[in-house]
């Protein structure tokens, strides 16, 4: 997204492009899992939960994308930058203090 902004695209366009870039990765992962499922089979009692899970994942993903695009029409990336800095700081603290051994991570 940063590259898109440097190239002069607006926030919404950079987010749209970023989401579009994920389509081949997500599609490839889905095809790989479907091929594995076709090879190994699925117990009959798992078909309905599988379909419901796929539909729920698709709907929630589309709602999340819709929300983010709507948010970026009127807001900046500041909240996302802050989130990434907070998570990075927390991870560095965990690594530096050796908490990963205490938590089993």
PDB file of N, CA and C in Angstrom:
ATOM      1  N   UNK A   1       0.823  -1.183   0.000  1.00  0.00           N
ATOM      2  CA  UNK A   1       0.000   0.000   0.000  1.00  0.00           C
ATOM      3  C   UNK A   1       0.871   1.253   0.000  1.00  0.00           C
ATOM      4  N   UNK A   2       1.987   1.181   0.690  1.00  0.00           N
ATOM      5  CA  UNK A   2       2.881   2.336   0.733  1.00  0.00           C
ATOM      6  C   UNK A   2       3.375   2.678  -0.664  1.00  0.00           C
ATOM      7  N   UNK A   3       3.708   1.666  -1.451  1.00  0.00           N
ATOM      8  CA  UNK A   3       4.175   1.901  -2.813  1.00  0.00           C
ATOM      9  C   UNK A   3       3.102   2.589  -3.640  1.00  0.00           C
ATOM     10  N   UNK A   4       1.858   2.152  -3.494  1.00  0.00           N
ATOM     11  CA  UNK A   4       0.759   2.789  -4.211  1.00  0.00           C
ATOM     12  C   UNK A   4       0.615   4.256  -3.850  1.00  0.00           C
ATOM     13  N   UNK A   5       0.769   4.559  -2.572  1.00  0.00           N
ATOM     14  CA  UNK A   5       0.701   5.963  -2.143  1.00  0.00           C
ATOM     15  C   UNK A   5       1.852   6.767  -2.724  1.00  0.00           C
ATOM     16  N   UNK A   6       3.066   6.187  -2.734  1.00  0.00           N
ATOM     17  CA  UNK A   6       4.211   6.881  -3.321  1.00  0.00           C
ATOM     18  C   UNK A   6       4.039   7.102  -4.817  1.00  0.00           C
ATOM     19  N   UNK A   7       3.286   6.212  -5.469  1.00  0.00           N
ATOM     20  CA  UNK A   7       3.043   6.356  -6.906  1.00  0.00           C
ATOM     21  C   UNK A   7       1.903   7.319  -7.213  1.00  0.00           C
ATOM     22  N   UNK A   8       1.279   7.881  -6.171  1.00  0.00           N
ATOM     23  CA  UNK A   8       0.249   8.889  -6.380  1.00  0.00           C
ATOM     24  C   UNK A   8      -1.176   8.363  -6.345  1.00  0.00           C
ATOM     25  N   UNK A   9      -1.378   7.101  -6.010  1.00  0.00           N
ATOM     26  CA  UNK A   9      -2.741   6.573  -5.900  1.00  0.00           C
ATOM     27  C   UNK A   9      -3.370   7.054  -4.598  1.00  0.00           C
ATOM     28  N   UNK A  10      -4.689   7.136  -4.578  1.00  0.00           N
ATOM     29  CA  UNK A  10      -5.367   7.510  -3.334  1.00  0.00           C
ATOM     30  C   UNK A  10      -5.453   6.284  -2.419  1.00  0.00           C
ATOM     31  N   UNK A  11      -5.824   6.511  -1.169  1.00  0.00           N
ATOM     32  CA  UNK A  11      -5.852   5.438  -0.171  1.00  0.00           C
ATOM     33  C   UNK A  11      -6.764   4.287  -0.584  1.00  0.00           C
ATOM     34  N   UNK A  12      -7.953   4.605  -1.070  1.00  0.00           N
ATOM     35  CA  UNK A  12      -8.902   3.553  -1.448  1.00  0.00           C
ATOM     36  C   UNK A  12      -8.357   2.714  -2.596  1.00  0.00           C
ATOM     37  N   UNK A  13      -7.749   3.347  -3.578  1.00  0.00           N
ATOM     38  CA  UNK A  13      -7.198   2.607  -4.721  1.00  0.00           C
ATOM     39  C   UNK A  13      -6.046   1.696  -4.309  1.00  0.00           C
ATOM     40  N   UNK A  14      -5.211   2.181  -3.396  1.00  0.00           N
ATOM     41  CA  UNK A  14      -4.104   1.331  -2.937  1.00  0.00           C
ATOM     42  C   UNK A  14      -4.630   0.121  -2.177  1.00  0.00           C
ATOM     43  N   UNK A  15      -5.662   0.318  -1.374  1.00  0.00           N
ATOM     44  CA  UNK A  15      -6.251  -0.805  -0.638  1.00  0.00           C
ATOM     45  C   UNK A  15      -6.916  -1.786  -1.601  1.00  0.00           C
ATOM     46  N   UNK A  16      -7.651  -1.278  -2.586  1.00  0.00           N
ATOM     47  CA  UNK A  16      -8.275  -2.157  -3.591  1.00  0.00           C
ATOM     48  C   UNK A  16      -7.228  -2.996  -4.308  1.00  0.00           C
ATOM     49  N   UNK A  17      -6.152  -2.358  -4.724  1.00  0.00           N
ATOM     50  CA  UNK A  17      -5.080  -3.058  -5.425  1.00  0.00           C
ATOM     51  C   UNK A  17      -4.462  -4.120  -4.517  1.00  0.00           C
ATOM     52  N   UNK A  18      -4.262  -3.785  -3.256  1.00  0.00           N
ATOM     53  CA  UNK A  18      -3.699  -4.736  -2.302  1.00  0.00           C
ATOM     54  C   UNK A  18      -4.616  -5.950  -2.151  1.00  0.00           C
ATOM     55  N   UNK A  19      -5.912  -5.713  -2.031  1.00  0.00           N
ATOM     56  CA  UNK A  19      -6.853  -6.824  -1.918  1.00  0.00           C
ATOM     57  C   UNK A  19      -6.854  -7.664  -3.197  1.00  0.00           C
ATOM     58  N   UNK A  20      -6.775  -7.013  -4.340  1.00  0.00           N
ATOM     59  CA  UNK A  20      -6.744  -7.759  -5.605  1.00  0.00           C
ATOM     60  C   UNK A  20      -5.487  -8.619  -5.712  1.00  0.00           C
ATOM     61  N   UNK A  21      -4.373  -8.138  -5.177  1.00  0.00           N
ATOM     62  CA  UNK A  21      -3.141  -8.930  -5.202  1.00  0.00           C
ATOM     63  C   UNK A  21      -3.271 -10.210  -4.386  1.00  0.00           C
ATOM     64  N   UNK A  22      -4.153 -10.215  -3.403  1.00  0.00           N
ATOM     65  CA  UNK A  22      -4.314 -11.403  -2.570  1.00  0.00           C
ATOM     66  C   UNK A  22      -5.159 -12.486  -3.248  1.00  0.00           C
ATOM     67  N   UNK A  23      -5.900 -12.140  -4.283  1.00  0.00           N
ATOM     68  CA  UNK A  23      -6.799 -13.104  -4.927  1.00  0.00           C
ATOM     69  C   UNK A  23      -6.061 -14.346  -5.449  1.00  0.00           C
ATOM     70  N   UNK A  24      -4.939 -14.220  -6.166  1.00  0.00           N
ATOM     71  CA  UNK A  24      -4.259 -15.441  -6.624  1.00  0.00           C
ATOM     72  C   UNK A  24      -3.742 -16.311  -5.472  1.00  0.00           C
ATOM     73  N   UNK A  25      -3.281 -15.688  -4.408  1.00  0.00           N
ATOM     74  CA  UNK A  25      -2.767 -16.450  -3.266  1.00  0.00           C
ATOM     75  C   UNK A  25      -3.898 -17.205  -2.580  1.00  0.00           C
ATOM     76  N   UNK A  26      -4.980 -16.516  -2.302  1.00  0.00           N
ATOM     77  CA  UNK A  26      -6.124 -17.147  -1.644  1.00  0.00           C
ATOM     78  C   UNK A  26      -6.738 -18.211  -2.553  1.00  0.00           C
ATOM     79  N   UNK A  27      -6.869 -17.885  -3.834  1.00  0.00           N
ATOM     80  CA  UNK A  27      -7.416 -18.863  -4.782  1.00  0.00           C
ATOM     81  C   UNK A  27      -6.541 -20.099  -4.901  1.00  0.00           C
ATOM     82  N   UNK A  28      -5.229 -19.903  -4.950  1.00  0.00           N
ATOM     83  CA  UNK A  28      -4.310 -21.037  -5.030  1.00  0.00           C
ATOM     84  C   UNK A  28      -4.374 -21.908  -3.788  1.00  0.00           C
ATOM     85  N   UNK A  29      -4.444 -21.282  -2.629  1.00  0.00           N
ATOM     86  CA  UNK A  29      -4.555 -22.045  -1.381  1.00  0.00           C
ATOM     87  C   UNK A  29      -5.856 -22.839  -1.345  1.00  0.00           C
ATOM     88  N   UNK A  30      -6.944 -22.226  -1.814  1.00  0.00           N
ATOM     89  CA  UNK A  30      -8.233 -22.928  -1.850  1.00  0.00           C
ATOM     90  C   UNK A  30      -8.179 -24.108  -2.814  1.00  0.00           C
ATOM     91  N   UNK A  31      -7.578 -23.911  -3.984  1.00  0.00           N
ATOM     92  CA  UNK A  31      -7.459 -25.021  -4.937  1.00  0.00           C
ATOM     93  C   UNK A  31      -6.602 -26.146  -4.384  1.00  0.00           C
ATOM     94  N   UNK A  32      -5.538 -25.817  -3.710  1.00  0.00           N
ATOM     95  CA  UNK A  32      -4.675 -26.827  -3.104  1.00  0.00           C
ATOM     96  C   UNK A  32      -5.440 -27.642  -2.064  1.00  0.00           C
ATOM     97  N   UNK A  33      -6.188 -26.974  -1.209  1.00  0.00           N
ATOM     98  CA  UNK A  33      -6.974 -27.673  -0.197  1.00  0.00           C
ATOM     99  C   UNK A  33      -8.084 -28.504  -0.828  1.00  0.00           C
ATOM    100  N   UNK A  34      -8.723 -27.976  -1.868  1.00  0.00           N
ATOM    101  CA  UNK A  34      -9.774 -28.743  -2.541  1.00  0.00           C
ATOM    102  C   UNK A  34      -9.202 -29.990  -3.208  1.00  0.00           C
ATOM    103  N   UNK A  35      -8.018 -29.877  -3.799  1.00  0.00           N
ATOM    104  CA  UNK A  35      -7.373 -31.053  -4.407  1.00  0.00           C
ATOM    105  C   UNK A  35      -7.042 -32.078  -3.334  1.00  0.00           C
ATOM    106  N   UNK A  36      -6.551 -31.616  -2.199  1.00  0.00           N
ATOM    107  CA  UNK A  36      -6.240 -32.512  -1.093  1.00  0.00           C
ATOM    108  C   UNK A  36      -7.515 -33.172  -0.567  1.00  0.00           C
ATOM    109  N   UNK A  37      -8.579 -32.401  -0.483  1.00  0.00           N
ATOM    110  CA  UNK A  37      -9.860 -32.920  -0.025  1.00  0.00           C
ATOM    111  C   UNK A  37     -10.417 -33.943  -1.010  1.00  0.00           C
ATOM    112  N   UNK A  38     -10.277 -33.676  -2.311  1.00  0.00           N
ATOM    113  CA  UNK A  38     -10.752 -34.618  -3.327  1.00  0.00           C
ATOM    114  C   UNK A  38      -9.975 -35.928  -3.246  1.00  0.00           C
ATOM    115  N   UNK A  39      -8.699 -35.844  -2.940  1.00  0.00           N
ATOM    116  CA  UNK A  39      -7.854 -37.034  -2.838  1.00  0.00           C
ATOM    117  C   UNK A  39      -8.181 -37.846  -1.584  1.00  0.00           C
ATOM    118  N   UNK A  40      -8.286 -37.162  -0.444  1.00  0.00           N
ATOM    119  CA  UNK A  40      -8.481 -37.842   0.838  1.00  0.00           C
ATOM    120  C   UNK A  40      -9.942 -38.136   1.152  1.00  0.00           C
ATOM    121  N   UNK A  41     -10.845 -37.382   0.542  1.00  0.00           N
ATOM    122  CA  UNK A  41     -12.266 -37.551   0.833  1.00  0.00           C
ATOM    123  C   UNK A  41     -12.680 -36.793   2.084  1.00  0.00           C
ATOM    124  N   UNK A  42     -13.996 -36.737   2.290  1.00  0.00           N
ATOM    125  CA  UNK A  42     -14.542 -36.045   3.453  1.00  0.00           C
ATOM    126  C   UNK A  42     -15.644 -36.911   4.044  1.00  0.00           C
ATOM    127  N   UNK A  43     -15.652 -37.073   5.349  1.00  0.00           N
ATOM    128  CA  UNK A  43     -16.747 -37.826   5.963  1.00  0.00           C
ATOM    129  C   UNK A  43     -18.086 -37.158   5.648  1.00  0.00           C
ATOM    130  N   UNK A  44     -19.108 -37.948   5.364  1.00  0.00           N
ATOM    131  CA  UNK A  44     -20.409 -37.374   4.972  1.00  0.00           C
ATOM    132  C   UNK A  44     -20.978 -36.379   5.981  1.00  0.00           C
ATOM    133  N   UNK A  45     -20.754 -36.597   7.270  1.00  0.00           N
ATOM    134  CA  UNK A  45     -21.314 -35.690   8.275  1.00  0.00           C
ATOM    135  C   UNK A  45     -20.574 -34.351   8.336  1.00  0.00           C
ATOM    136  N   UNK A  46     -19.484 -34.204   7.594  1.00  0.00           N
ATOM    137  CA  UNK A  46     -18.707 -32.959   7.617  1.00  0.00           C
ATOM    138  C   UNK A  46     -18.999 -32.048   6.426  1.00  0.00           C
ATOM    139  N   UNK A  47     -19.783 -32.519   5.466  1.00  0.00           N
ATOM    140  CA  UNK A  47     -20.038 -31.720   4.266  1.00  0.00           C
ATOM    141  C   UNK A  47     -20.786 -30.433   4.609  1.00  0.00           C
ATOM    142  N   UNK A  48     -21.856 -30.542   5.378  1.00  0.00           N
ATOM    143  CA  UNK A  48     -22.646 -29.347   5.707  1.00  0.00           C
ATOM    144  C   UNK A  48     -21.826 -28.334   6.512  1.00  0.00           C
ATOM    145  N   UNK A  49     -21.125 -28.718   7.584  1.00  0.00           N
ATOM    146  CA  UNK A  49     -20.299 -27.726   8.290  1.00  0.00           C
ATOM    147  C   UNK A  49     -19.214 -27.119   7.397  1.00  0.00           C
ATOM    148  N   UNK A  50     -18.677 -27.913   6.483  1.00  0.00           N
ATOM    149  CA  UNK A  50     -17.656 -27.414   5.559  1.00  0.00           C
ATOM    150  C   UNK A  50     -18.226 -26.315   4.666  1.00  0.00           C
ATOM    151  N   UNK A  51     -19.399 -26.555   4.104  1.00  0.00           N
ATOM    152  CA  UNK A  51     -20.034 -25.570   3.215  1.00  0.00           C
ATOM    153  C   UNK A  51     -20.416 -24.316   4.005  1.00  0.00           C
ATOM    154  N   UNK A  52     -20.972 -24.492   5.196  1.00  0.00           N
ATOM    155  CA  UNK A  52     -21.343 -23.342   6.025  1.00  0.00           C
ATOM    156  C   UNK A  52     -20.096 -22.527   6.379  1.00  0.00           C
ATOM    157  N   UNK A  53     -19.002 -23.200   6.712  1.00  0.00           N
ATOM    158  CA  UNK A  53     -17.755 -22.511   7.024  1.00  0.00           C
ATOM    159  C   UNK A  53     -17.217 -21.733   5.839  1.00  0.00           C
ATOM    160  N   UNK A  54     -17.276 -22.324   4.649  1.00  0.00           N
ATOM    161  CA  UNK A  54     -16.803 -21.622   3.443  1.00  0.00           C
ATOM    162  C   UNK A  54     -17.634 -20.375   3.180  1.00  0.00           C
ATOM    163  N   UNK A  55     -18.949 -20.504   3.282  1.00  0.00           N
ATOM    164  CA  UNK A  55     -19.826 -19.351   3.040  1.00  0.00           C
ATOM    165  C   UNK A  55     -19.592 -18.270   4.098  1.00  0.00           C
ATOM    166  N   UNK A  56     -19.472 -18.677   5.362  1.00  0.00           N
ATOM    167  CA  UNK A  56     -19.236 -17.708   6.438  1.00  0.00           C
ATOM    168  C   UNK A  56     -17.906 -16.986   6.230  1.00  0.00           C
ATOM    169  N   UNK A  57     -16.867 -17.715   5.822  1.00  0.00           N
ATOM    170  CA  UNK A  57     -15.562 -17.100   5.583  1.00  0.00           C
ATOM    171  C   UNK A  57     -15.634 -16.111   4.426  1.00  0.00           C
ATOM    172  N   UNK A  58     -16.334 -16.482   3.357  1.00  0.00           N
ATOM    173  CA  UNK A  58     -16.451 -15.596   2.201  1.00  0.00           C
ATOM    174  C   UNK A  58     -17.220 -14.324   2.561  1.00  0.00           C
ATOM    175  N   UNK A  59     -18.323 -14.480   3.257  1.00  0.00           N
ATOM    176  CA  UNK A  59     -19.148 -13.323   3.624  1.00  0.00           C
ATOM    177  C   UNK A  59     -18.392 -12.413   4.593  1.00  0.00           C
ATOM    178  N   UNK A  60     -17.767 -12.984   5.614  1.00  0.00           N
ATOM    179  CA  UNK A  60     -17.048 -12.140   6.568  1.00  0.00           C
ATOM    180  C   UNK A  60     -15.844 -11.457   5.919  1.00  0.00           C
ATOM    181  N   UNK A  61     -15.190 -12.133   4.987  1.00  0.00           N
ATOM    182  CA  UNK A  61     -14.084 -11.511   4.254  1.00  0.00           C
ATOM    183  C   UNK A  61     -14.545 -10.336   3.411  1.00  0.00           C
ATOM    184  N   UNK A  62     -15.660 -10.512   2.706  1.00  0.00           N
ATOM    185  CA  UNK A  62     -16.198  -9.422   1.889  1.00  0.00           C
ATOM    186  C   UNK A  62     -16.655  -8.248   2.752  1.00  0.00           C
ATOM    187  N   UNK A  63     -17.272  -8.538   3.893  1.00  0.00           N
ATOM    188  CA  UNK A  63     -17.693  -7.464   4.801  1.00  0.00           C
ATOM    189  C   UNK A  63     -16.473  -6.709   5.330  1.00  0.00           C
ATOM    190  N   UNK A  64     -15.415  -7.435   5.675  1.00  0.00           N
ATOM    191  CA  UNK A  64     -14.192  -6.779   6.173  1.00  0.00           C
ATOM    192  C   UNK A  64     -13.582  -5.885   5.097  1.00  0.00           C
ATOM    193  N   UNK A  65     -13.523  -6.371   3.864  1.00  0.00           N
ATOM    194  CA  UNK A  65     -12.987  -5.560   2.762  1.00  0.00           C
ATOM    195  C   UNK A  65     -13.857  -4.334   2.537  1.00  0.00           C
ATOM    196  N   UNK A  66     -15.164  -4.514   2.536  1.00  0.00           N
ATOM    197  CA  UNK A  66     -16.101  -3.404   2.357  1.00  0.00           C
ATOM    198  C   UNK A  66     -15.890  -2.357   3.457  1.00  0.00           C
ATOM    199  N   UNK A  67     -15.728  -2.831   4.713  1.00  0.00           N
ATOM    200  CA  UNK A  67     -15.526  -1.908   5.824  1.00  0.00           C
ATOM    201  C   UNK A  67     -14.210  -1.137   5.681  1.00  0.00           C
ATOM    202  N   UNK A  68     -13.140  -1.832   5.363  1.00  0.00           N
ATOM    203  CA  UNK A  68     -11.830  -1.179   5.243  1.00  0.00           C
ATOM    204  C   UNK A  68     -11.841  -0.150   4.110  1.00  0.00           C
ATOM    205  N   UNK A  69     -12.412  -0.512   2.971  1.00  0.00           N
ATOM    206  CA  UNK A  69     -12.472   0.442   1.860  1.00  0.00           C
ATOM    207  C   UNK A  69     -13.298   1.667   2.235  1.00  0.00           C
ATOM    208  N   UNK A  70     -14.409   1.464   2.928  1.00  0.00           N
ATOM    209  CA  UNK A  70     -15.230   2.584   3.383  1.00  0.00           C
ATOM    210  C   UNK A  70     -14.486   3.447   4.387  1.00  0.00           C
ATOM    211  N   UNK A  71     -13.754   2.804   5.288  1.00  0.00           N
ATOM    212  CA  UNK A  71     -12.971   3.535   6.281  1.00  0.00           C
ATOM    213  C   UNK A  71     -11.906   4.385   5.604  1.00  0.00           C
ATOM    214  N   UNK A  72     -11.225   3.820   4.616  1.00  0.00           N
ATOM    215  CA  UNK A  72     -10.126   4.534   3.967  1.00  0.00           C
ATOM    216  C   UNK A  72     -10.593   5.673   3.062  1.00  0.00           C
ATOM    217  N   UNK A  73     -11.884   5.729   2.738  1.00  0.00           N
ATOM    218  CA  UNK A  73     -12.391   6.859   1.956  1.00  0.00           C
ATOM    219  C   UNK A  73     -12.308   8.158   2.757  1.00  0.00           C
ATOM    220  N   UNK A  74     -12.415   8.047   4.083  1.00  0.00           N
ATOM    221  CA  UNK A  74     -12.469   9.252   4.909  1.00  0.00           C
ATOM    222  C   UNK A  74     -11.379   9.325   5.973  1.00  0.00           C
ATOM    223  N   UNK A  75     -10.568   8.286   6.106  1.00  0.00           N
ATOM    224  CA  UNK A  75      -9.526   8.256   7.133  1.00  0.00           C
ATOM    225  C   UNK A  75      -8.179   7.893   6.512  1.00  0.00           C
ATOM    226  N   UNK A  76      -7.145   8.115   7.284  1.00  0.00           N
ATOM    227  CA  UNK A  76      -5.794   7.776   6.822  1.00  0.00           C
ATOM    228  C   UNK A  76      -5.420   6.363   7.293  1.00  0.00           C
ATOM    229  N   UNK A  77      -4.203   5.965   6.954  1.00  0.00           N
ATOM    230  CA  UNK A  77      -3.672   4.674   7.384  1.00  0.00           C
ATOM    231  C   UNK A  77      -3.108   4.737   8.807  1.00  0.00           C
ATOM    232  N   UNK A  78      -3.265   5.845   9.498  1.00  0.00           N
ATOM    233  CA  UNK A  78      -2.618   6.051  10.802  1.00  0.00           C
ATOM    234  C   UNK A  78      -2.927   4.941  11.791  1.00  0.00           C
ATOM    235  N   UNK A  79      -4.161   4.502  11.875  1.00  0.00           N
ATOM    236  CA  UNK A  79      -4.507   3.458  12.842  1.00  0.00           C
ATOM    237  C   UNK A  79      -3.793   2.144  12.519  1.00  0.00           C
ATOM    238  N   UNK A  80      -3.613   1.857  11.243  1.00  0.00           N
ATOM    239  CA  UNK A  80      -2.917   0.635  10.841  1.00  0.00           C
ATOM    240  C   UNK A  80      -1.424   0.739  11.152  1.00  0.00           C
ATOM    241  N   UNK A  81      -0.865   1.920  10.980  1.00  0.00           N
ATOM    242  CA  UNK A  81       0.541   2.143  11.313  1.00  0.00           C
ATOM    243  C   UNK A  81       0.733   1.971  12.823  1.00  0.00           C
ATOM    244  N   UNK A  82      -0.146   2.574  13.601  1.00  0.00           N
ATOM    245  CA  UNK A  82      -0.055   2.458  15.060  1.00  0.00           C
ATOM    246  C   UNK A  82      -0.172   1.003  15.492  1.00  0.00           C
ATOM    247  N   UNK A  83      -1.111   0.281  14.924  1.00  0.00           N
ATOM    248  CA  UNK A  83      -1.300  -1.128  15.256  1.00  0.00           C
ATOM    249  C   UNK A  83      -0.038  -1.926  14.972  1.00  0.00           C
ATOM    250  N   UNK A  84       0.549  -1.727  13.813  1.00  0.00           N
ATOM    251  CA  UNK A  84       1.763  -2.469  13.452  1.00  0.00           C
ATOM    252  C   UNK A  84       2.927  -2.120  14.368  1.00  0.00           C
ATOM    253  N   UNK A  85       3.064  -0.847  14.740  1.00  0.00           N
ATOM    254  CA  UNK A  85       4.139  -0.450  15.645  1.00  0.00           C
ATOM    255  C   UNK A  85       3.946  -1.046  17.041  1.00  0.00           C
ATOM    256  N   UNK A  86       2.719  -1.086  17.517  1.00  0.00           N
ATOM    257  CA  UNK A  86       2.428  -1.667  18.834  1.00  0.00           C
ATOM    258  C   UNK A  86       2.732  -3.166  18.833  1.00  0.00           C
ATOM    259  N   UNK A  87       2.284  -3.880  17.806  1.00  0.00           N
ATOM    260  CA  UNK A  87       2.545  -5.320  17.727  1.00  0.00           C
ATOM    261  C   UNK A  87       4.044  -5.587  17.596  1.00  0.00           C
ATOM    262  N   UNK A  88       4.738  -4.807  16.784  1.00  0.00           N
ATOM    263  CA  UNK A  88       6.185  -4.988  16.616  1.00  0.00           C
ATOM    264  C   UNK A  88       6.913  -4.747  17.938  1.00  0.00           C
ATOM    265  N   UNK A  89       6.510  -3.717  18.664  1.00  0.00           N
ATOM    266  CA  UNK A  89       7.129  -3.428  19.955  1.00  0.00           C
ATOM    267  C   UNK A  89       6.874  -4.559  20.939  1.00  0.00           C
ATOM    268  N   UNK A  90       5.645  -5.051  20.973  1.00  0.00           N
ATOM    269  CA  UNK A  90       5.316  -6.161  21.875  1.00  0.00           C
ATOM    270  C   UNK A  90       6.131  -7.404  21.537  1.00  0.00           C
ATOM    271  N   UNK A  91       6.259  -7.715  20.270  1.00  0.00           N
ATOM    272  CA  UNK A  91       7.041  -8.882  19.862  1.00  0.00           C
ATOM    273  C   UNK A  91       8.514  -8.722  20.209  1.00  0.00           C
ATOM    274  N   UNK A  92       9.054  -7.544  19.991  1.00  0.00           N
ATOM    275  CA  UNK A  92      10.449  -7.298  20.365  1.00  0.00           C
ATOM    276  C   UNK A  92      10.661  -7.437  21.864  1.00  0.00           C
ATOM    277  N   UNK A  93       9.702  -6.962  22.655  1.00  0.00           N
ATOM    278  CA  UNK A  93       9.802  -7.107  24.105  1.00  0.00           C
ATOM    279  C   UNK A  93       9.748  -8.578  24.518  1.00  0.00           C
ATOM    280  N   UNK A  94       8.867  -9.337  23.901  1.00  0.00           N
ATOM    281  CA  UNK A  94       8.779 -10.766  24.204  1.00  0.00           C
ATOM    282  C   UNK A  94      10.090 -11.466  23.867  1.00  0.00           C
ATOM    283  N   UNK A  95      10.640 -11.148  22.717  1.00  0.00           N
ATOM    284  CA  UNK A  95      11.902 -11.767  22.304  1.00  0.00           C
ATOM    285  C   UNK A  95      13.039 -11.333  23.222  1.00  0.00           C
ATOM    286  N   UNK A  96      13.108 -10.045  23.535  1.00  0.00           N
ATOM    287  CA  UNK A  96      14.204  -9.512  24.343  1.00  0.00           C
ATOM    288  C   UNK A  96      14.170 -10.030  25.779  1.00  0.00           C
ATOM    289  N   UNK A  97      12.979 -10.222  26.327  1.00  0.00           N
ATOM    290  CA  UNK A  97      12.876 -10.647  27.723  1.00  0.00           C
ATOM    291  C   UNK A  97      12.837 -12.160  27.879  1.00  0.00           C
ATOM    292  N   UNK A  98      12.781 -12.877  26.783  1.00  0.00           N
ATOM    293  CA  UNK A  98      12.769 -14.334  26.860  1.00  0.00           C
ATOM    294  C   UNK A  98      11.444 -14.908  27.294  1.00  0.00           C
ATOM    295  N   UNK A  99      10.370 -14.134  27.177  1.00  0.00           N
ATOM    296  CA  UNK A  99       9.048 -14.634  27.576  1.00  0.00           C
ATOM    297  C   UNK A  99       8.579 -15.798  26.713  1.00  0.00           C
ATOM    298  N   UNK A 100       9.145 -15.949  25.553  1.00  0.00           N
ATOM    299  CA  UNK A 100       8.687 -17.028  24.672  1.00  0.00           C
ATOM    300  C   UNK A 100       8.948 -18.389  25.324  1.00  0.00           C
ATOM    301  N   UNK A 101       9.998 -18.501  26.164  1.00  0.00           N
ATOM    302  CA  UNK A 101      10.258 -19.762  26.851  1.00  0.00           C
ATOM    303  C   UNK A 101       9.239 -19.992  27.967  1.00  0.00           C
ATOM    304  N   UNK A 102       8.852 -18.935  28.622  1.00  0.00           N
ATOM    305  CA  UNK A 102       7.901 -19.056  29.720  1.00  0.00           C
ATOM    306  C   UNK A 102       6.494 -19.343  29.231  1.00  0.00           C
ATOM    307  N   UNK A 103       6.141 -18.838  28.044  1.00  0.00           N
ATOM    308  CA  UNK A 103       4.788 -19.033  27.525  1.00  0.00           C
ATOM    309  C   UNK A 103       4.667 -20.254  26.639  1.00  0.00           C
ATOM    310  N   UNK A 104       5.778 -20.867  26.292  1.00  0.00           N
ATOM    311  CA  UNK A 104       5.732 -22.050  25.439  1.00  0.00           C
ATOM    312  C   UNK A 104       5.632 -21.741  23.965  1.00  0.00           C
ATOM    313  N   UNK A 105       5.831 -20.488  23.589  1.00  0.00           N
ATOM    314  CA  UNK A 105       5.749 -20.091  22.188  1.00  0.00           C
ATOM    315  C   UNK A 105       7.012 -20.519  21.470  1.00  0.00           C
TER     316      UNK A 105
END
